[in-house]
Amino acid sequence: MTRDTQDGSTRRRFLKAGTGLAVSGALAGCGQDGAGSTATGDGGDPTSSARDESTTGEGTDAATESASGESYAVSMEPVGTVELDGVPESWVPFTGDYADMGVALGQADGLEAIGVPERFGTHYYEELPDVSVDKESLTTLYQEGTGKEIFYEIGADVHVVDPNFMSNRLQWSRSDVEEVRRNVAPFFGNTIFTRVYDWHDYQHYSLYEAFEKVAQLFRQQERYDAFANLNEEVTASIRENLPDESLDVALLYPASIPPESFYPYLIGEGTASKQWRTLNVGDALAKNGIADAQAGGGTIDFETLLDIDPDAIAVRIQGNITEEYFRENVVRPLQQHDVASQLTAVQNDRVVYGGLTYQGPIIYLFQLEMAAQGLYPEAFGDEPLFDRRRVNDIVTGDF
């Protein structure tokens, strides 16, 4: 894309015609990677119908070549309408859910950066022969904070980020957001992984609602439709084979590895918990009045967990977590702990890996399969529950 000089500012060739951005006070955030080290700032941790509850089809064109040069407009809360004079060639998300959406839409080559690389599950793409993302080549946006300068250095065509996320999770001011929007490129995104933030007082989107908005941004409606159809089929198949038993699951994030206490996460409407809703599990934490860590809830210890005694425990850890790592560093310590070993979930071998926080349409399919097979091994076995080749071909446009 070319650059133009206008009103004394260097701008991308994209028009930046959004509504006023609603931003509010700062809110700290923290999380952990697979080794148990702490990272702060991205807000993802510590802190349905078959098409994911509903979809929209607001005047979207079919997929077009990125060099078409046609002017068009896209809309999404909280940014309103953004007008573009061509499909973005370079783009920057902050969280892995939107990164995964762009990859699903065939836009991996234009991906320039990510907030925290360890929280973008590119390892799932290893099962797709023609899909890959080299995380080493991506600029890391969070480096003990996220400054404006890095956005100038990248100079992307669009930032697929909720501007209010920048203000409330990364402590940008409203003027910071407006400056980068005006001088670099527009923002286009909505925080979807959770619905517990009190500053998110505008429209929430389900996974596939947000995914369709991103498809409109990149003019890739046909790829979106193909994924939506696949999602319908996989969801229907899994639900048809769910056992009659109803499990109450506690979704937890370890405060350390091996775990001694946990940050609690509720199975709410955010996209981070979509697989658990698809499996129709109950929320053991919510039923016992436990507050979500992202909404001010503190850690819970094994004694509290024993009082709740969930049917199953799903432990969420960021990074590429192998089955061996999970059993050695999570399951085995619980089995050997005086209190944890009394938990029904531990005794029944229903402590399962809870996956990553951020999931778009590809990562979600893998994590849904993993959750189904972890909770119900007798019903779902260990064979794939969705067609990898079909996912691969949608991404590459061969469908």
Protein backbone atom coordinates (compact mmCIF):
# COMPACT_ATOMS: atom_id res chain seq x y z
CA MET A 1 0.00 0.00 0.00
CA THR A 2 1.12 3.52 -0.67
CA ARG A 3 1.41 6.46 1.68
CA ASP A 4 -0.05 9.91 1.17
CA THR A 5 0.66 13.14 2.98
CA GLN A 6 -2.46 14.93 4.09
CA ASP A 7 -2.91 17.78 6.61
CA GLY A 8 0.73 17.48 7.58
CA SER A 9 0.36 13.85 8.72
CA THR A 10 1.60 10.66 7.13
CA ARG A 11 -1.41 8.42 6.54
CA ARG A 12 -2.21 5.08 5.03
CA ARG A 13 -4.29 5.21 1.87
CA PHE A 14 -7.24 3.96 3.90
CA LEU A 15 -9.86 6.44 5.00
CA LYS A 16 -10.42 6.43 8.72
CA ALA A 17 -14.07 7.35 9.14
CA GLY A 18 -15.12 5.78 12.41
CA THR A 19 -17.46 6.98 15.12
CA GLY A 20 -16.11 8.41 18.35
CA LEU A 21 -14.34 5.82 20.47
CA ALA A 22 -15.72 5.11 23.93
CA VAL A 23 -12.80 4.58 26.27
CA SER A 24 -12.54 4.48 30.03
CA GLY A 25 -10.15 3.84 32.88
CA ALA A 26 -7.21 1.46 33.11
CA LEU A 27 -7.54 -2.12 34.22
CA ALA A 28 -4.59 -4.37 34.90
CA GLY A 29 -4.27 -7.81 33.41
CA CYS A 30 -1.90 -10.73 33.74
CA GLY A 31 -1.46 -14.33 32.74
CA GLN A 32 0.96 -17.23 32.45
CA ASP A 33 2.61 -19.23 29.77
CA GLY A 34 3.16 -22.98 29.83
CA ALA A 35 6.21 -22.70 32.05
CA GLY A 36 4.32 -20.80 34.71
CA SER A 37 6.05 -17.45 34.18
CA THR A 38 3.96 -14.32 34.47
CA ALA A 39 3.24 -11.93 31.63
CA THR A 40 1.10 -8.82 32.01
CA GLY A 41 -0.86 -6.49 29.86
CA ASP A 42 -2.85 -8.34 27.21
CA GLY A 43 -5.90 -8.88 29.38
CA GLY A 44 -6.45 -12.47 28.34
CA ASP A 45 -5.79 -14.19 31.65
CA PRO A 46 -5.81 -13.46 35.39
CA THR A 47 -6.71 -11.15 35.79
CA SER A 48 -25.41 -21.58 20.45
CA SER A 49 -26.64 -22.25 17.33
CA ALA A 50 -24.35 -24.18 15.00
CA ARG A 51 -23.13 -20.82 13.67
CA ASP A 52 -22.28 -19.64 17.17
CA GLU A 53 -25.57 -18.27 18.42
CA SER A 54 -26.25 -16.03 15.41
CA THR A 55 -24.70 -14.58 12.28
CA THR A 56 -25.19 -11.47 10.24
CA GLY A 57 -25.01 -10.76 6.54
CA GLU A 58 -24.84 -7.03 6.26
CA GLY A 59 -24.33 -6.18 2.59
CA THR A 60 -21.21 -8.28 2.13
CA ASP A 61 -19.64 -8.90 -1.26
CA ALA A 62 -18.20 -12.24 -2.28
CA ALA A 63 -14.45 -12.70 -2.02
CA THR A 64 -12.44 -10.47 -4.34
CA GLU A 65 -8.79 -10.10 -5.20
CA SER A 66 -6.94 -7.98 -2.65
CA ALA A 67 -5.61 -5.71 -5.38
CA SER A 68 -9.06 -4.83 -6.70
CA GLY A 69 -8.83 -1.26 -5.46
CA GLU A 70 -12.59 -0.97 -4.97
CA SER A 71 -13.81 1.42 -2.29
CA TYR A 72 -16.11 -0.07 0.34
CA ALA A 73 -17.19 0.37 3.94
CA VAL A 74 -17.31 -2.01 6.90
CA SER A 75 -18.98 -1.53 10.27
CA MET A 76 -18.38 -2.95 13.73
CA GLU A 77 -18.95 -1.74 17.25
CA PRO A 78 -17.39 0.18 18.92
CA VAL A 79 -15.62 1.83 15.96
CA GLY A 80 -18.66 2.34 13.76
CA THR A 81 -18.09 2.55 10.02
CA VAL A 82 -14.64 2.44 8.44
CA GLU A 83 -14.24 3.27 4.75
CA LEU A 84 -11.44 1.68 2.74
CA ASP A 85 -10.25 2.17 -0.82
CA GLY A 86 -8.84 -1.34 -1.12
CA VAL A 87 -8.55 -4.61 0.75
CA PRO A 88 -5.89 -4.38 3.50
CA GLU A 89 -2.63 -6.04 2.55
CA SER A 90 -0.97 -5.76 5.97
CA TRP A 91 -2.80 -6.09 9.25
CA VAL A 92 -2.20 -6.23 12.99
CA PRO A 93 -4.32 -7.98 15.62
CA PHE A 94 -3.43 -8.01 19.30
CA THR A 95 -5.10 -11.25 20.38
CA GLY A 96 -4.91 -14.68 18.80
CA ASP A 97 -8.65 -14.96 18.18
CA TYR A 98 -8.54 -12.26 15.50
CA ALA A 99 -5.18 -13.52 14.22
CA ASP A 100 -6.75 -16.94 13.70
CA MET A 101 -9.69 -15.38 11.85
CA GLY A 102 -7.37 -13.66 9.41
CA VAL A 103 -5.43 -16.87 8.81
CA ALA A 104 -8.71 -18.71 8.21
CA LEU A 105 -9.58 -16.11 5.58
CA GLY A 106 -6.33 -16.67 3.68
CA GLN A 107 -4.62 -13.52 4.96
CA ALA A 108 -1.63 -15.05 6.76
CA ASP A 109 0.91 -13.39 4.47
CA GLY A 110 -0.23 -9.94 5.57
CA LEU A 111 -0.08 -10.66 9.31
CA GLU A 112 2.56 -8.38 10.79
CA ALA A 113 2.37 -8.66 14.57
CA ILE A 114 0.68 -10.19 17.62
CA GLY A 115 0.36 -9.08 21.23
CA VAL A 116 1.94 -12.08 22.98
CA PRO A 117 3.18 -14.78 20.56
CA GLU A 118 2.88 -17.59 23.13
CA ARG A 119 -0.87 -17.00 23.26
CA PHE A 120 -1.41 -17.44 19.53
CA GLY A 121 -1.91 -21.16 18.89
CA THR A 122 -0.07 -21.52 15.60
CA HIS A 123 0.98 -25.04 16.61
CA TYR A 124 -2.52 -26.19 15.70
CA TYR A 125 -1.78 -25.31 12.08
CA GLU A 126 0.84 -28.06 11.98
CA GLU A 127 -1.98 -30.50 11.19
CA LEU A 128 -2.94 -28.45 8.12
CA PRO A 129 -0.42 -29.21 5.34
CA ASP A 130 -0.61 -25.87 3.52
CA VAL A 131 -1.26 -23.51 6.45
CA SER A 132 1.47 -22.02 8.61
CA VAL A 133 2.46 -18.86 10.42
CA ASP A 134 6.05 -18.13 11.40
CA LYS A 135 5.65 -16.53 14.81
CA GLU A 136 9.34 -15.67 14.83
CA SER A 137 8.70 -13.24 11.99
CA LEU A 138 5.89 -11.44 13.80
CA THR A 139 6.53 -8.29 15.77
CA THR A 140 5.68 -8.73 19.46
CA LEU A 141 3.40 -5.87 20.47
CA TYR A 142 3.60 -6.43 24.21
CA GLN A 143 7.10 -5.76 25.51
CA GLU A 144 6.66 -4.77 29.15
CA GLY A 145 3.90 -2.57 27.81
CA THR A 146 2.71 -1.57 24.36
CA GLY A 147 3.68 1.87 23.08
CA LYS A 148 2.42 3.83 20.10
CA GLU A 149 5.81 3.81 18.41
CA ILE A 150 5.63 0.15 17.49
CA PHE A 151 2.45 0.79 15.49
CA TYR A 152 4.21 3.54 13.55
CA GLU A 153 7.15 1.22 12.89
CA ILE A 154 4.90 -1.53 11.52
CA GLY A 155 2.73 0.83 9.48
CA ALA A 156 -0.05 -1.69 8.88
CA ASP A 157 -3.11 -1.02 6.74
CA VAL A 158 -5.54 -1.89 9.53
CA HIS A 159 -5.44 -2.75 13.24
CA VAL A 160 -7.86 -5.60 13.97
CA VAL A 161 -8.15 -4.58 17.61
CA ASP A 162 -10.89 -3.16 19.80
CA PRO A 163 -9.70 0.40 20.57
CA ASN A 164 -11.26 0.13 24.02
CA PHE A 165 -9.05 -2.88 24.70
CA MET A 166 -6.08 -0.61 24.06
CA SER A 167 -7.39 1.92 26.58
CA ASN A 168 -8.67 -0.38 29.30
CA ARG A 169 -6.17 -3.22 29.17
CA LEU A 170 -3.04 -1.52 27.82
CA GLN A 171 -3.52 1.88 29.44
CA TRP A 172 -3.55 3.96 26.29
CA SER A 173 -5.31 7.32 26.48
CA ARG A 174 -8.12 8.24 24.15
CA SER A 175 -5.76 10.65 22.42
CA ASP A 176 -3.23 7.81 21.88
CA VAL A 177 -5.89 5.72 20.16
CA GLU A 178 -7.06 8.63 18.04
CA GLU A 179 -3.51 9.57 17.05
CA VAL A 180 -2.66 6.07 15.81
CA ARG A 181 -6.02 5.76 14.09
CA ARG A 182 -5.49 9.07 12.30
CA ASN A 183 -1.79 8.80 11.44
CA VAL A 184 -1.29 5.07 10.88
CA ALA A 185 -4.46 3.08 10.21
CA PRO A 186 -7.97 2.50 11.55
CA PHE A 187 -8.93 0.14 14.36
CA PHE A 188 -11.53 -2.53 13.62
CA GLY A 189 -12.36 -4.98 16.36
CA ASN A 190 -14.42 -5.84 19.42
CA THR A 191 -13.23 -7.64 22.55
CA ILE A 192 -14.91 -11.05 22.28
CA PHE A 193 -13.00 -13.56 24.42
CA THR A 194 -14.86 -12.57 27.60
CA ARG A 195 -17.96 -10.63 28.60
CA VAL A 196 -17.04 -9.77 32.18
CA TYR A 197 -15.39 -6.39 31.64
CA ASP A 198 -17.54 -3.55 32.98
CA TRP A 199 -16.16 -1.13 30.38
CA HIS A 200 -17.54 -3.26 27.53
CA ASP A 201 -20.97 -1.60 27.56
CA TYR A 202 -21.54 -1.81 23.79
CA GLN A 203 -22.53 -4.68 21.51
CA HIS A 204 -20.96 -8.07 22.15
CA TYR A 205 -20.25 -10.42 19.25
CA SER A 206 -20.16 -14.20 19.19
CA LEU A 207 -17.24 -15.92 17.47
CA TYR A 208 -18.97 -16.21 14.12
CA GLU A 209 -20.50 -12.74 14.29
CA ALA A 210 -17.02 -11.25 14.77
CA PHE A 211 -15.59 -13.62 12.16
CA GLU A 212 -18.07 -12.41 9.57
CA LYS A 213 -17.14 -8.81 10.33
CA VAL A 214 -13.49 -9.66 9.66
CA ALA A 215 -14.55 -11.47 6.48
CA GLN A 216 -16.26 -8.27 5.37
CA LEU A 217 -13.08 -6.34 6.15
CA PHE A 218 -11.01 -8.64 3.90
CA ARG A 219 -13.86 -9.27 1.43
CA GLN A 220 -13.76 -13.01 1.99
CA GLN A 221 -17.42 -13.93 2.39
CA GLU A 222 -17.07 -17.23 0.55
CA ARG A 223 -14.37 -18.48 2.92
CA TYR A 224 -16.50 -17.35 5.85
CA ASP A 225 -19.52 -19.24 4.50
CA ALA A 226 -17.43 -22.38 4.02
CA PHE A 227 -16.22 -22.24 7.63
CA ALA A 228 -19.72 -21.53 8.92
CA ASN A 229 -21.06 -24.58 7.09
CA LEU A 230 -18.25 -26.76 8.42
CA ASN A 231 -18.85 -25.47 11.94
CA GLU A 232 -22.54 -26.36 11.67
CA GLU A 233 -21.74 -29.90 10.61
CA VAL A 234 -19.09 -30.51 13.27
CA THR A 235 -21.27 -29.05 16.01
CA ALA A 236 -24.26 -31.16 14.99
CA SER A 237 -22.18 -34.33 14.83
CA ILE A 238 -20.61 -33.82 18.26
CA ARG A 239 -23.89 -32.92 19.91
CA GLU A 240 -25.57 -35.99 18.44
CA ASN A 241 -22.96 -38.16 20.12
CA LEU A 242 -22.84 -36.47 23.53
CA PRO A 243 -23.53 -38.87 26.41
CA ASP A 244 -26.67 -38.33 28.46
CA GLU A 245 -24.68 -37.53 31.60
CA SER A 246 -24.36 -33.87 32.49
CA LEU A 247 -20.98 -32.78 33.82
CA ASP A 248 -20.24 -29.73 35.94
CA VAL A 249 -16.83 -28.42 34.92
CA ALA A 250 -14.50 -26.04 36.77
CA LEU A 251 -12.43 -24.00 34.32
CA LEU A 252 -9.20 -22.95 36.01
CA TYR A 253 -5.90 -21.24 35.31
CA PRO A 254 -2.97 -22.29 37.53
CA ALA A 255 -1.32 -19.57 39.59
CA SER A 256 1.88 -21.64 39.42
CA ILE A 257 3.23 -24.80 37.87
CA PRO A 258 2.81 -27.28 39.54
CA PRO A 259 -0.47 -25.78 40.72
CA GLU A 260 -1.22 -24.92 44.33
CA SER A 261 -4.01 -22.43 43.60
CA PHE A 262 -5.96 -21.32 40.58
CA TYR A 263 -7.56 -18.33 38.94
CA PRO A 264 -11.22 -19.19 38.32
CA TYR A 265 -12.86 -18.63 34.95
CA LEU A 266 -16.58 -18.88 34.40
CA ILE A 267 -18.05 -20.58 31.36
CA GLY A 268 -19.80 -17.45 30.18
CA GLU A 269 -20.68 -16.12 26.76
CA GLY A 270 -17.17 -15.11 25.70
CA THR A 271 -15.53 -16.94 22.83
CA ALA A 272 -12.83 -18.36 25.13
CA SER A 273 -15.45 -20.78 26.51
CA LYS A 274 -17.27 -21.62 23.30
CA GLN A 275 -16.22 -25.28 23.24
CA TRP A 276 -17.64 -25.88 26.73
CA ARG A 277 -20.97 -24.37 25.76
CA THR A 278 -21.06 -26.55 22.65
CA LEU A 279 -20.62 -29.57 24.94
CA ASN A 280 -23.49 -28.37 27.18
CA VAL A 281 -21.50 -28.68 30.40
CA GLY A 282 -22.50 -27.02 33.64
CA ASP A 283 -20.34 -24.34 35.27
CA ALA A 284 -19.29 -25.70 38.67
CA LEU A 285 -17.75 -22.38 39.72
CA ALA A 286 -20.73 -20.21 38.84
CA LYS A 287 -23.09 -22.58 40.64
CA ASN A 288 -21.06 -22.04 43.80
CA GLY A 289 -20.85 -18.26 43.63
CA ILE A 290 -17.21 -18.03 42.53
CA ALA A 291 -16.35 -14.77 40.73
CA ASP A 292 -14.44 -14.77 37.44
CA ALA A 293 -10.79 -13.75 37.82
CA GLN A 294 -11.21 -11.12 35.11
CA ALA A 295 -14.06 -9.58 37.10
CA GLY A 296 -12.11 -9.21 40.31
CA GLY A 297 -12.25 -12.76 41.60
CA GLY A 298 -9.25 -13.96 43.58
CA THR A 299 -7.49 -17.30 43.46
CA ILE A 300 -9.03 -20.44 44.92
CA ASP A 301 -7.11 -23.20 46.68
CA PHE A 302 -7.61 -26.95 46.81
CA GLU A 303 -9.76 -26.73 49.94
CA THR A 304 -12.23 -24.44 48.17
CA LEU A 305 -12.14 -26.67 45.12
CA LEU A 306 -12.86 -29.71 47.31
CA ASP A 307 -15.92 -27.93 48.73
CA ILE A 308 -17.16 -27.46 45.15
CA ASP A 309 -15.95 -30.90 44.03
CA PRO A 310 -16.63 -30.53 40.29
CA ASP A 311 -17.22 -33.54 38.05
CA ALA A 312 -14.35 -32.42 35.83
CA ILE A 313 -11.57 -29.83 35.91
CA ALA A 314 -10.31 -28.07 32.79
CA VAL A 315 -6.94 -26.39 33.29
CA ARG A 316 -6.18 -23.63 30.82
CA ILE A 317 -2.50 -22.93 30.09
CA GLN A 318 -1.08 -20.76 27.32
CA GLY A 319 1.47 -22.06 24.85
CA ASN A 320 2.07 -25.33 23.03
CA ILE A 321 1.22 -27.74 25.83
CA THR A 322 1.92 -31.39 25.12
CA GLU A 323 0.01 -34.24 26.73
CA GLU A 324 3.20 -35.34 28.44
CA TYR A 325 3.81 -31.86 29.88
CA PHE A 326 0.23 -31.62 31.12
CA ARG A 327 0.22 -34.99 32.84
CA GLU A 328 3.65 -34.49 34.39
CA ASN A 329 3.13 -30.91 35.61
CA VAL A 330 -0.59 -30.75 36.34
CA VAL A 331 -2.30 -34.13 36.61
CA ARG A 332 0.39 -36.01 38.53
CA PRO A 333 0.92 -33.28 41.16
CA LEU A 334 -2.84 -33.25 41.79
CA GLN A 335 -2.86 -37.02 42.18
CA GLN A 336 -0.04 -36.78 44.72
CA HIS A 337 -1.47 -33.84 46.69
CA ASP A 338 -3.11 -34.64 50.05
CA VAL A 339 -6.19 -32.51 49.35
CA ALA A 340 -6.35 -32.43 45.54
CA SER A 341 -6.22 -36.22 45.39
CA GLN A 342 -9.63 -36.31 47.12
CA LEU A 343 -11.32 -34.44 44.27
CA THR A 344 -13.82 -36.47 42.26
CA ALA A 345 -12.34 -35.15 39.01
CA VAL A 346 -8.86 -36.32 40.01
CA GLN A 347 -10.04 -39.73 41.16
CA ASN A 348 -12.06 -40.25 37.94
CA ASP A 349 -9.22 -39.01 35.70
CA ARG A 350 -11.26 -36.05 34.47
CA VAL A 351 -8.61 -33.37 34.75
CA VAL A 352 -8.27 -32.19 31.16
CA TYR A 353 -6.29 -29.55 29.34
CA GLY A 354 -8.48 -26.46 28.93
CA GLY A 355 -6.69 -25.02 25.91
CA LEU A 356 -5.83 -21.45 24.99
CA THR A 357 -7.82 -18.33 25.79
CA TYR A 358 -7.87 -16.95 22.26
CA GLN A 359 -9.56 -19.00 19.56
CA GLY A 360 -10.83 -18.12 16.13
CA PRO A 361 -12.59 -20.58 13.79
CA ILE A 362 -9.60 -22.88 13.21
CA ILE A 363 -8.23 -23.06 16.74
CA TYR A 364 -11.77 -23.48 18.06
CA LEU A 365 -12.28 -26.68 16.04
CA PHE A 366 -9.11 -28.19 17.49
CA GLN A 367 -10.00 -27.13 21.03
CA LEU A 368 -13.58 -28.39 20.69
CA GLU A 369 -12.25 -31.78 19.59
CA MET A 370 -9.77 -31.81 22.47
CA ALA A 371 -12.45 -30.90 25.02
CA ALA A 372 -14.91 -33.51 23.74
CA GLN A 373 -12.33 -36.28 23.75
CA GLY A 374 -10.94 -35.21 27.12
CA LEU A 375 -14.30 -35.23 28.88
CA TYR A 376 -15.86 -38.16 27.03
CA PRO A 377 -13.11 -40.49 25.74
CA GLU A 378 -15.47 -43.44 25.42
CA ALA A 379 -17.89 -41.46 23.25
CA PHE A 380 -15.38 -39.70 21.01
CA GLY A 381 -12.27 -41.87 21.06
CA ASP A 382 -9.03 -40.45 19.69
CA GLU A 383 -9.84 -40.15 15.99
CA PRO A 384 -10.28 -36.67 14.42
CA LEU A 385 -13.73 -35.16 14.86
CA PHE A 386 -13.37 -32.83 11.88
CA ASP A 387 -11.74 -32.99 8.46
CA ARG A 388 -8.29 -31.34 8.51
CA ARG A 389 -8.04 -31.41 4.72
CA ARG A 390 -11.32 -29.54 4.39
CA VAL A 391 -10.11 -26.82 6.78
CA ASN A 392 -6.84 -26.64 4.87
CA ASP A 393 -8.64 -26.26 1.54
CA ILE A 394 -10.91 -23.50 2.79
CA VAL A 395 -7.90 -21.51 3.97
CA THR A 396 -6.07 -21.99 0.68
CA GLY A 397 -9.20 -21.24 -1.38
CA ASP A 398 -9.54 -24.70 -2.87
CA PHE A 399 -13.17 -25.38 -1.98
